[in-house]
C-alpha cells in the first residue's frame, strides 16, 4: 500500500512544488522523515497509516517560501480537496476529512484532535530540528511522541546532514 501511495502522491506533488525539492527545509527530505515518524507513531498507537502517509507528502505541498507562510496549510487543504473531487486520491470520504483537518491545522500548534490527526501533527513536529528547534513534549499530542526517547531519536534524524533521498 505505502509504496504505491507514495509514488502516486509524489507524481501529483512534484510538478507543481514551488520550492527546492531536494535541498529545502520543506522538501522531500522533510517529507520522508515525517513519513518515518508517522509510521512509528501509527505502529505504537495501533492506527492505520494511510492518512498519515498522504499527510507526510502533501502537508507542505503549497508553500510559497521556506519562511513564515501562514496560509500554506489552507492552500494545501484546498488543493487536496480538488484532487479528491477529481478522484486522484484513493481515499474514503472519512479519510479525506481527517487528512483535510491534519493538513490545514498542522502549523497552528493545536494538540486536541482525532488520533490520526494527532499522529500527523506529531510526525511533522518531531522533525523541527531541521530548522533549529528541538521538539518539546508539551507541543506533542500522542503518548508515544511525548516519550523522551522518541523525541531524541526523531531530533537526531532531523539534524543529520541529508544524503540523497530516494523514495
N, C-alpha and C. Protein backbone atom coordinates (compact mmCIF):
# COMPACT_ATOMS: atom_id res chain seq x y z
N UNK A 1 0.83 -1.20 0.00
CA UNK A 1 0.00 0.00 0.00
C UNK A 1 0.86 1.25 0.00
N UNK A 2 1.79 1.35 0.92
CA UNK A 2 2.53 2.60 1.11
C UNK A 2 3.34 3.02 -0.11
N UNK A 3 4.07 2.09 -0.72
CA UNK A 3 4.92 2.48 -1.84
C UNK A 3 4.11 3.01 -3.02
N UNK A 4 3.00 2.36 -3.32
CA UNK A 4 2.15 2.85 -4.41
C UNK A 4 1.52 4.19 -4.07
N UNK A 5 1.11 4.35 -2.82
CA UNK A 5 0.50 5.60 -2.39
C UNK A 5 1.53 6.74 -2.42
N UNK A 6 2.74 6.45 -1.99
CA UNK A 6 3.81 7.46 -2.03
C UNK A 6 4.12 7.84 -3.47
N UNK A 7 4.24 6.85 -4.33
CA UNK A 7 4.54 7.11 -5.74
C UNK A 7 3.46 7.99 -6.37
N UNK A 8 2.21 7.64 -6.15
CA UNK A 8 1.09 8.42 -6.67
C UNK A 8 1.14 9.85 -6.14
N UNK A 9 1.35 9.98 -4.85
CA UNK A 9 1.35 11.30 -4.22
C UNK A 9 2.50 12.16 -4.76
N UNK A 10 3.68 11.59 -4.88
CA UNK A 10 4.82 12.34 -5.41
C UNK A 10 4.60 12.75 -6.87
N UNK A 11 3.92 11.90 -7.63
CA UNK A 11 3.60 12.26 -9.02
C UNK A 11 2.67 13.47 -9.09
N UNK A 12 1.83 13.62 -8.08
CA UNK A 12 0.94 14.78 -8.03
C UNK A 12 1.67 16.02 -7.52
N UNK A 13 2.52 15.85 -6.52
CA UNK A 13 3.15 16.99 -5.84
C UNK A 13 4.32 17.58 -6.63
N UNK A 14 5.21 16.74 -7.08
CA UNK A 14 6.47 17.23 -7.67
C UNK A 14 6.29 18.28 -8.78
N UNK A 15 5.43 18.06 -9.76
CA UNK A 15 5.35 19.02 -10.87
C UNK A 15 4.92 20.43 -10.46
N UNK A 16 4.19 20.55 -9.39
CA UNK A 16 3.67 21.87 -9.01
C UNK A 16 4.36 22.47 -7.78
N UNK A 17 5.33 21.75 -7.18
CA UNK A 17 6.00 22.22 -5.97
C UNK A 17 6.90 23.41 -6.30
N UNK A 18 6.76 24.49 -5.54
CA UNK A 18 7.43 25.76 -5.85
C UNK A 18 8.83 25.90 -5.24
N UNK A 19 9.15 25.11 -4.23
CA UNK A 19 10.41 25.26 -3.51
C UNK A 19 11.45 24.27 -4.01
N UNK A 20 12.64 24.32 -3.42
CA UNK A 20 13.69 23.38 -3.77
C UNK A 20 13.32 22.00 -3.23
N UNK A 21 13.00 21.11 -4.11
CA UNK A 21 12.52 19.78 -3.73
C UNK A 21 13.57 18.98 -2.96
N UNK A 22 14.81 19.08 -3.38
CA UNK A 22 15.85 18.23 -2.81
C UNK A 22 16.61 18.83 -1.64
N UNK A 23 16.67 20.14 -1.53
CA UNK A 23 17.55 20.73 -0.53
C UNK A 23 16.87 21.72 0.42
N UNK A 24 15.60 21.95 0.30
CA UNK A 24 14.91 22.90 1.18
C UNK A 24 14.48 22.28 2.49
N UNK A 25 14.09 23.13 3.42
CA UNK A 25 13.59 22.67 4.72
C UNK A 25 12.24 21.97 4.62
N UNK A 26 11.50 22.23 3.54
CA UNK A 26 10.16 21.68 3.41
C UNK A 26 10.01 20.77 2.20
N UNK A 27 11.10 20.20 1.73
CA UNK A 27 11.07 19.34 0.56
C UNK A 27 11.06 17.86 0.89
N UNK A 28 11.56 17.08 -0.02
CA UNK A 28 11.43 15.64 0.04
C UNK A 28 12.12 14.99 1.24
N UNK A 29 13.24 15.54 1.68
CA UNK A 29 13.90 15.01 2.88
C UNK A 29 13.02 15.14 4.10
N UNK A 30 12.39 16.30 4.24
CA UNK A 30 11.45 16.53 5.35
C UNK A 30 10.27 15.58 5.24
N UNK A 31 9.70 15.46 4.04
CA UNK A 31 8.53 14.59 3.86
C UNK A 31 8.87 13.15 4.23
N UNK A 32 10.06 12.70 3.83
CA UNK A 32 10.47 11.33 4.14
C UNK A 32 10.63 11.12 5.65
N UNK A 33 11.19 12.12 6.35
CA UNK A 33 11.32 11.99 7.82
C UNK A 33 9.96 12.04 8.50
N UNK A 34 9.06 12.88 8.01
CA UNK A 34 7.70 12.93 8.57
C UNK A 34 7.04 11.56 8.39
N UNK A 35 7.19 10.96 7.23
CA UNK A 35 6.62 9.64 6.97
C UNK A 35 7.26 8.60 7.89
N UNK A 36 8.55 8.68 8.09
CA UNK A 36 9.24 7.76 9.02
C UNK A 36 8.67 7.91 10.43
N UNK A 37 8.50 9.16 10.87
CA UNK A 37 7.92 9.41 12.20
C UNK A 37 6.48 8.91 12.26
N UNK A 38 5.72 9.16 11.22
CA UNK A 38 4.30 8.75 11.19
C UNK A 38 4.15 7.24 11.28
N UNK A 39 5.00 6.51 10.55
CA UNK A 39 4.93 5.03 10.61
C UNK A 39 5.17 4.55 12.04
N UNK A 40 6.18 5.10 12.68
CA UNK A 40 6.48 4.70 14.06
C UNK A 40 5.32 5.03 14.99
N UNK A 41 4.75 6.20 14.85
CA UNK A 41 3.64 6.61 15.72
C UNK A 41 2.39 5.76 15.46
N UNK A 42 2.09 5.48 14.20
CA UNK A 42 0.93 4.63 13.88
C UNK A 42 1.09 3.24 14.48
N UNK A 43 2.28 2.70 14.36
CA UNK A 43 2.53 1.38 14.93
C UNK A 43 2.35 1.40 16.45
N UNK A 44 2.91 2.39 17.10
CA UNK A 44 2.84 2.49 18.56
C UNK A 44 1.41 2.74 19.04
N UNK A 45 0.65 3.50 18.27
CA UNK A 45 -0.71 3.87 18.68
C UNK A 45 -1.76 2.91 18.10
N UNK A 46 -1.35 1.95 17.27
CA UNK A 46 -2.28 0.99 16.69
C UNK A 46 -3.23 1.61 15.68
N UNK A 47 -2.70 2.53 14.84
CA UNK A 47 -3.54 3.26 13.88
C UNK A 47 -3.15 2.94 12.44
N UNK A 48 -4.11 3.05 11.54
CA UNK A 48 -3.89 2.84 10.12
C UNK A 48 -3.02 3.99 9.59
N UNK A 49 -1.95 3.68 8.86
CA UNK A 49 -1.03 4.72 8.39
C UNK A 49 -1.42 5.43 7.08
N UNK A 50 -2.54 5.09 6.50
CA UNK A 50 -2.89 5.63 5.18
C UNK A 50 -2.97 7.17 5.17
N UNK A 51 -3.74 7.76 6.07
CA UNK A 51 -3.86 9.22 6.11
C UNK A 51 -2.54 9.87 6.50
N UNK A 52 -1.83 9.38 7.53
CA UNK A 52 -0.52 9.97 7.83
C UNK A 52 0.48 9.86 6.67
N UNK A 53 0.38 8.82 5.87
CA UNK A 53 1.25 8.69 4.70
C UNK A 53 0.97 9.84 3.73
N UNK A 54 -0.28 10.03 3.40
CA UNK A 54 -0.65 11.13 2.49
C UNK A 54 -0.26 12.48 3.09
N UNK A 55 -0.53 12.67 4.36
CA UNK A 55 -0.18 13.91 5.05
C UNK A 55 1.31 14.22 4.89
N UNK A 56 2.13 13.20 5.08
CA UNK A 56 3.59 13.39 5.04
C UNK A 56 4.06 14.04 3.76
N UNK A 57 3.44 13.69 2.65
CA UNK A 57 3.88 14.17 1.35
C UNK A 57 3.04 15.31 0.78
N UNK A 58 1.96 15.67 1.48
CA UNK A 58 1.08 16.74 0.99
C UNK A 58 1.04 18.00 1.86
N UNK A 59 1.38 17.88 3.13
CA UNK A 59 1.13 18.98 4.06
C UNK A 59 1.86 20.28 3.73
N UNK A 60 3.04 20.21 3.13
CA UNK A 60 3.78 21.42 2.75
C UNK A 60 3.80 21.65 1.25
N UNK A 61 2.92 20.98 0.54
CA UNK A 61 2.93 20.99 -0.93
C UNK A 61 2.60 22.35 -1.54
N UNK A 62 1.97 23.22 -0.78
CA UNK A 62 1.53 24.51 -1.34
C UNK A 62 2.26 25.70 -0.71
N UNK A 63 3.45 25.46 -0.20
CA UNK A 63 4.25 26.55 0.36
C UNK A 63 4.73 27.48 -0.75
N UNK A 64 4.74 28.77 -0.45
CA UNK A 64 5.29 29.76 -1.37
C UNK A 64 6.75 30.07 -1.05
N UNK A 65 7.16 29.82 0.20
CA UNK A 65 8.54 30.07 0.59
C UNK A 65 8.90 29.20 1.79
N UNK A 66 10.19 29.21 2.14
CA UNK A 66 10.70 28.40 3.25
C UNK A 66 10.46 29.08 4.60
N UNK A 67 10.11 30.33 4.60
CA UNK A 67 9.92 31.08 5.85
C UNK A 67 8.51 30.96 6.39
N UNK A 68 8.04 32.05 6.92
CA UNK A 68 6.71 32.09 7.51
C UNK A 68 5.67 32.22 6.40
N UNK A 69 4.96 31.17 6.17
CA UNK A 69 3.92 31.13 5.13
C UNK A 69 2.66 30.62 5.83
N UNK A 70 2.00 31.51 6.53
CA UNK A 70 0.92 31.12 7.43
C UNK A 70 -0.31 30.52 6.74
N UNK A 71 -0.42 30.66 5.46
CA UNK A 71 -1.61 30.14 4.75
C UNK A 71 -1.33 28.87 3.94
N UNK A 72 -0.12 28.32 4.07
CA UNK A 72 0.19 27.16 3.25
C UNK A 72 -0.67 25.95 3.58
N UNK A 73 -1.06 25.79 4.84
CA UNK A 73 -1.92 24.67 5.22
C UNK A 73 -3.31 24.77 4.58
N UNK A 74 -3.84 25.97 4.56
CA UNK A 74 -5.15 26.19 3.94
C UNK A 74 -5.07 25.96 2.43
N UNK A 75 -4.01 26.49 1.80
CA UNK A 75 -3.85 26.26 0.36
C UNK A 75 -3.70 24.77 0.05
N UNK A 76 -2.96 24.06 0.89
CA UNK A 76 -2.79 22.62 0.68
C UNK A 76 -4.12 21.89 0.84
N UNK A 77 -4.90 22.28 1.83
CA UNK A 77 -6.21 21.65 2.03
C UNK A 77 -7.11 21.87 0.82
N UNK A 78 -7.12 23.07 0.28
CA UNK A 78 -7.93 23.38 -0.91
C UNK A 78 -7.47 22.54 -2.10
N UNK A 79 -6.15 22.42 -2.28
CA UNK A 79 -5.61 21.63 -3.38
C UNK A 79 -5.96 20.15 -3.22
N UNK A 80 -5.86 19.65 -1.99
CA UNK A 80 -6.21 18.25 -1.71
C UNK A 80 -7.69 18.00 -1.99
N UNK A 81 -8.53 18.98 -1.65
CA UNK A 81 -9.96 18.85 -1.94
C UNK A 81 -10.19 18.72 -3.45
N UNK A 82 -9.49 19.52 -4.24
CA UNK A 82 -9.62 19.41 -5.71
C UNK A 82 -9.19 18.03 -6.18
N UNK A 83 -8.05 17.56 -5.67
CA UNK A 83 -7.57 16.22 -6.05
C UNK A 83 -8.59 15.15 -5.68
N UNK A 84 -9.16 15.26 -4.50
CA UNK A 84 -10.13 14.28 -4.03
C UNK A 84 -11.38 14.30 -4.93
N UNK A 85 -11.87 15.49 -5.23
CA UNK A 85 -13.07 15.61 -6.06
C UNK A 85 -12.84 15.13 -7.49
N UNK A 86 -11.58 15.15 -7.93
CA UNK A 86 -11.22 14.64 -9.26
C UNK A 86 -10.83 13.16 -9.21
N UNK A 87 -11.08 12.52 -8.07
CA UNK A 87 -10.77 11.09 -7.88
C UNK A 87 -9.29 10.76 -8.08
N UNK A 88 -8.41 11.69 -7.72
CA UNK A 88 -6.98 11.44 -7.84
C UNK A 88 -6.36 10.93 -6.54
N UNK A 89 -7.11 10.97 -5.46
CA UNK A 89 -6.64 10.44 -4.18
C UNK A 89 -7.49 9.22 -3.81
N UNK A 90 -6.87 8.05 -3.70
CA UNK A 90 -7.63 6.83 -3.42
C UNK A 90 -7.95 6.67 -1.92
N UNK A 91 -8.82 7.55 -1.43
CA UNK A 91 -9.20 7.53 -0.02
C UNK A 91 -10.71 7.69 0.12
N UNK A 92 -11.20 7.26 1.27
CA UNK A 92 -12.63 7.40 1.56
C UNK A 92 -12.94 8.83 1.97
N UNK A 93 -14.22 9.16 2.05
CA UNK A 93 -14.63 10.49 2.48
C UNK A 93 -14.19 10.74 3.93
N UNK A 94 -14.26 9.73 4.77
CA UNK A 94 -13.81 9.88 6.17
C UNK A 94 -12.31 10.17 6.23
N UNK A 95 -11.53 9.45 5.42
CA UNK A 95 -10.09 9.68 5.37
C UNK A 95 -9.79 11.08 4.82
N UNK A 96 -10.55 11.49 3.82
CA UNK A 96 -10.39 12.83 3.27
C UNK A 96 -10.60 13.90 4.34
N UNK A 97 -11.63 13.74 5.14
CA UNK A 97 -11.91 14.72 6.20
C UNK A 97 -10.77 14.78 7.22
N UNK A 98 -10.26 13.62 7.61
CA UNK A 98 -9.14 13.59 8.56
C UNK A 98 -7.89 14.23 7.95
N UNK A 99 -7.61 13.90 6.69
CA UNK A 99 -6.46 14.47 6.00
C UNK A 99 -6.60 16.00 5.91
N UNK A 100 -7.78 16.46 5.58
CA UNK A 100 -8.02 17.91 5.48
C UNK A 100 -7.77 18.62 6.80
N UNK A 101 -8.29 18.04 7.89
CA UNK A 101 -8.07 18.63 9.21
C UNK A 101 -6.59 18.66 9.57
N UNK A 102 -5.91 17.57 9.30
CA UNK A 102 -4.50 17.47 9.63
C UNK A 102 -3.67 18.48 8.84
N UNK A 103 -3.92 18.58 7.56
CA UNK A 103 -3.14 19.48 6.70
C UNK A 103 -3.42 20.94 7.05
N UNK A 104 -4.67 21.29 7.15
CA UNK A 104 -4.98 22.70 7.41
C UNK A 104 -4.49 23.16 8.78
N UNK A 105 -4.53 22.28 9.77
CA UNK A 105 -4.16 22.69 11.12
C UNK A 105 -2.75 22.36 11.56
N UNK A 106 -1.92 21.85 10.66
CA UNK A 106 -0.62 21.31 11.11
C UNK A 106 0.35 22.34 11.66
N UNK A 107 0.20 23.59 11.34
CA UNK A 107 1.15 24.58 11.85
C UNK A 107 0.52 25.57 12.83
N UNK A 108 -0.65 25.20 13.36
CA UNK A 108 -1.34 26.10 14.29
C UNK A 108 -1.04 25.81 15.76
N UNK A 109 -0.31 24.75 16.05
CA UNK A 109 0.07 24.45 17.43
C UNK A 109 -0.98 23.73 18.25
N UNK A 110 -2.03 23.28 17.61
CA UNK A 110 -3.08 22.56 18.34
C UNK A 110 -2.57 21.18 18.75
N UNK A 111 -3.21 20.62 19.78
CA UNK A 111 -2.88 19.25 20.20
C UNK A 111 -4.12 18.37 20.35
N UNK A 112 -5.29 18.96 20.37
CA UNK A 112 -6.53 18.20 20.54
C UNK A 112 -7.16 17.93 19.18
N UNK A 113 -7.31 16.65 18.86
CA UNK A 113 -7.91 16.26 17.58
C UNK A 113 -8.10 14.75 17.57
N UNK A 114 -8.64 14.26 16.48
CA UNK A 114 -8.76 12.82 16.25
C UNK A 114 -7.36 12.22 16.32
N UNK A 115 -7.20 10.99 16.83
CA UNK A 115 -5.88 10.37 16.95
C UNK A 115 -5.07 10.33 15.65
N UNK A 116 -5.72 10.13 14.51
CA UNK A 116 -5.00 10.12 13.23
C UNK A 116 -4.42 11.51 12.95
N UNK A 117 -5.19 12.54 13.22
CA UNK A 117 -4.74 13.92 13.02
C UNK A 117 -3.58 14.21 13.97
N UNK A 118 -3.69 13.75 15.20
CA UNK A 118 -2.61 13.94 16.17
C UNK A 118 -1.31 13.30 15.69
N UNK A 119 -1.40 12.11 15.14
CA UNK A 119 -0.20 11.44 14.61
C UNK A 119 0.42 12.29 13.51
N UNK A 120 -0.40 12.83 12.63
CA UNK A 120 0.12 13.67 11.55
C UNK A 120 0.87 14.87 12.11
N UNK A 121 0.25 15.57 13.04
CA UNK A 121 0.87 16.75 13.62
C UNK A 121 2.17 16.39 14.35
N UNK A 122 2.14 15.31 15.11
CA UNK A 122 3.35 14.90 15.84
C UNK A 122 4.47 14.50 14.88
N UNK A 123 4.13 13.80 13.83
CA UNK A 123 5.14 13.36 12.87
C UNK A 123 5.88 14.56 12.28
N UNK A 124 5.14 15.62 11.99
CA UNK A 124 5.73 16.85 11.46
C UNK A 124 6.54 17.58 12.54
N UNK A 125 5.97 17.75 13.71
CA UNK A 125 6.64 18.48 14.79
C UNK A 125 7.91 17.78 15.27
N UNK A 126 7.95 16.47 15.18
CA UNK A 126 9.15 15.75 15.58
C UNK A 126 10.33 16.02 14.64
N UNK A 127 10.07 16.64 13.51
CA UNK A 127 11.14 16.95 12.55
C UNK A 127 11.57 18.42 12.60
N UNK A 128 11.29 19.10 13.66
CA UNK A 128 11.63 20.52 13.77
C UNK A 128 13.12 20.80 13.89
N UNK A 129 13.91 19.80 14.23
CA UNK A 129 15.35 20.01 14.33
C UNK A 129 15.95 20.56 13.05
N UNK A 130 15.36 20.25 11.92
CA UNK A 130 15.88 20.71 10.63
C UNK A 130 15.89 22.23 10.52
N UNK A 131 15.06 22.91 11.34
CA UNK A 131 15.03 24.38 11.34
C UNK A 131 15.54 24.95 12.67
N UNK A 132 16.29 24.12 13.41
CA UNK A 132 16.92 24.60 14.63
C UNK A 132 16.05 24.62 15.87
N UNK A 133 14.95 23.89 15.85
CA UNK A 133 14.04 23.84 17.00
C UNK A 133 14.00 22.41 17.54
N UNK A 134 14.23 22.27 18.84
CA UNK A 134 14.13 20.95 19.46
C UNK A 134 12.67 20.73 19.86
N UNK A 135 12.07 19.62 19.42
CA UNK A 135 10.68 19.35 19.80
C UNK A 135 10.55 19.23 21.32
N UNK A 136 9.40 19.65 21.84
CA UNK A 136 9.13 19.56 23.27
C UNK A 136 7.81 18.83 23.47
N UNK A 137 7.77 17.97 24.46
CA UNK A 137 6.59 17.12 24.72
C UNK A 137 5.30 17.93 24.88
N UNK A 138 5.37 19.13 25.42
CA UNK A 138 4.13 19.89 25.66
C UNK A 138 3.43 20.29 24.36
N UNK A 139 4.16 20.27 23.24
CA UNK A 139 3.58 20.63 21.95
C UNK A 139 3.23 19.40 21.11
N UNK A 140 3.40 18.23 21.69
CA UNK A 140 3.09 16.99 21.00
C UNK A 140 1.77 16.43 21.52
N UNK A 141 1.18 15.52 20.78
CA UNK A 141 -0.17 15.03 21.07
C UNK A 141 -0.22 13.62 21.62
N UNK A 142 0.49 12.71 21.01
CA UNK A 142 0.36 11.29 21.33
C UNK A 142 1.33 10.87 22.43
N UNK A 143 0.95 9.84 23.15
CA UNK A 143 1.80 9.34 24.24
C UNK A 143 3.17 8.91 23.73
N UNK A 144 3.19 8.24 22.59
CA UNK A 144 4.48 7.76 22.07
C UNK A 144 5.38 8.92 21.65
N UNK A 145 4.81 9.93 21.01
CA UNK A 145 5.61 11.07 20.56
C UNK A 145 6.21 11.82 21.74
N UNK A 146 5.52 11.83 22.87
CA UNK A 146 5.98 12.58 24.05
C UNK A 146 7.11 11.89 24.80
N UNK A 147 7.37 10.63 24.47
CA UNK A 147 8.44 9.91 25.17
C UNK A 147 9.79 10.55 24.85
N UNK A 148 10.63 10.74 25.86
CA UNK A 148 11.94 11.34 25.62
C UNK A 148 12.77 10.62 24.55
N UNK A 149 12.69 9.29 24.52
CA UNK A 149 13.48 8.55 23.53
C UNK A 149 12.95 8.75 22.10
N UNK A 150 11.63 8.95 21.97
CA UNK A 150 11.05 9.22 20.65
C UNK A 150 11.50 10.60 20.18
N UNK A 151 11.40 11.58 21.06
CA UNK A 151 11.81 12.95 20.73
C UNK A 151 13.29 12.97 20.34
N UNK A 152 14.10 12.31 21.15
CA UNK A 152 15.55 12.32 20.89
C UNK A 152 15.90 11.67 19.55
N UNK A 153 15.35 10.49 19.27
CA UNK A 153 15.71 9.82 18.02
C UNK A 153 15.21 10.61 16.81
N UNK A 154 14.01 11.18 16.89
CA UNK A 154 13.49 11.99 15.78
C UNK A 154 14.33 13.25 15.59
N UNK A 155 14.70 13.87 16.70
CA UNK A 155 15.52 15.08 16.62
C UNK A 155 16.86 14.77 15.95
N UNK A 156 17.49 13.70 16.37
CA UNK A 156 18.79 13.33 15.78
C UNK A 156 18.67 13.05 14.28
N UNK A 157 17.58 12.41 13.87
CA UNK A 157 17.36 12.19 12.43
C UNK A 157 17.21 13.53 11.71
N UNK A 158 16.50 14.46 12.35
CA UNK A 158 16.18 15.72 11.69
C UNK A 158 17.38 16.65 11.52
N UNK A 159 18.42 16.47 12.31
CA UNK A 159 19.58 17.36 12.20
C UNK A 159 20.73 16.74 11.41
N UNK A 160 20.56 15.53 10.96
CA UNK A 160 21.60 14.90 10.15
C UNK A 160 21.71 15.63 8.82
N UNK A 161 22.92 15.74 8.32
CA UNK A 161 23.12 16.32 7.00
C UNK A 161 22.50 15.35 6.00
N UNK A 162 21.56 15.85 5.21
CA UNK A 162 20.84 14.93 4.31
C UNK A 162 21.73 14.31 3.25
N UNK A 163 21.52 13.04 3.06
CA UNK A 163 22.13 12.31 1.96
C UNK A 163 21.03 12.24 0.91
N UNK A 164 21.36 12.00 -0.32
CA UNK A 164 20.33 11.96 -1.35
C UNK A 164 19.20 11.03 -0.91
N UNK A 165 17.99 11.54 -0.99
CA UNK A 165 16.82 10.81 -0.51
C UNK A 165 16.07 10.23 -1.71
N UNK A 166 15.92 8.92 -1.72
CA UNK A 166 15.17 8.26 -2.80
C UNK A 166 14.05 7.46 -2.19
N UNK A 167 12.85 7.72 -2.64
CA UNK A 167 11.67 7.02 -2.11
C UNK A 167 11.19 5.99 -3.09
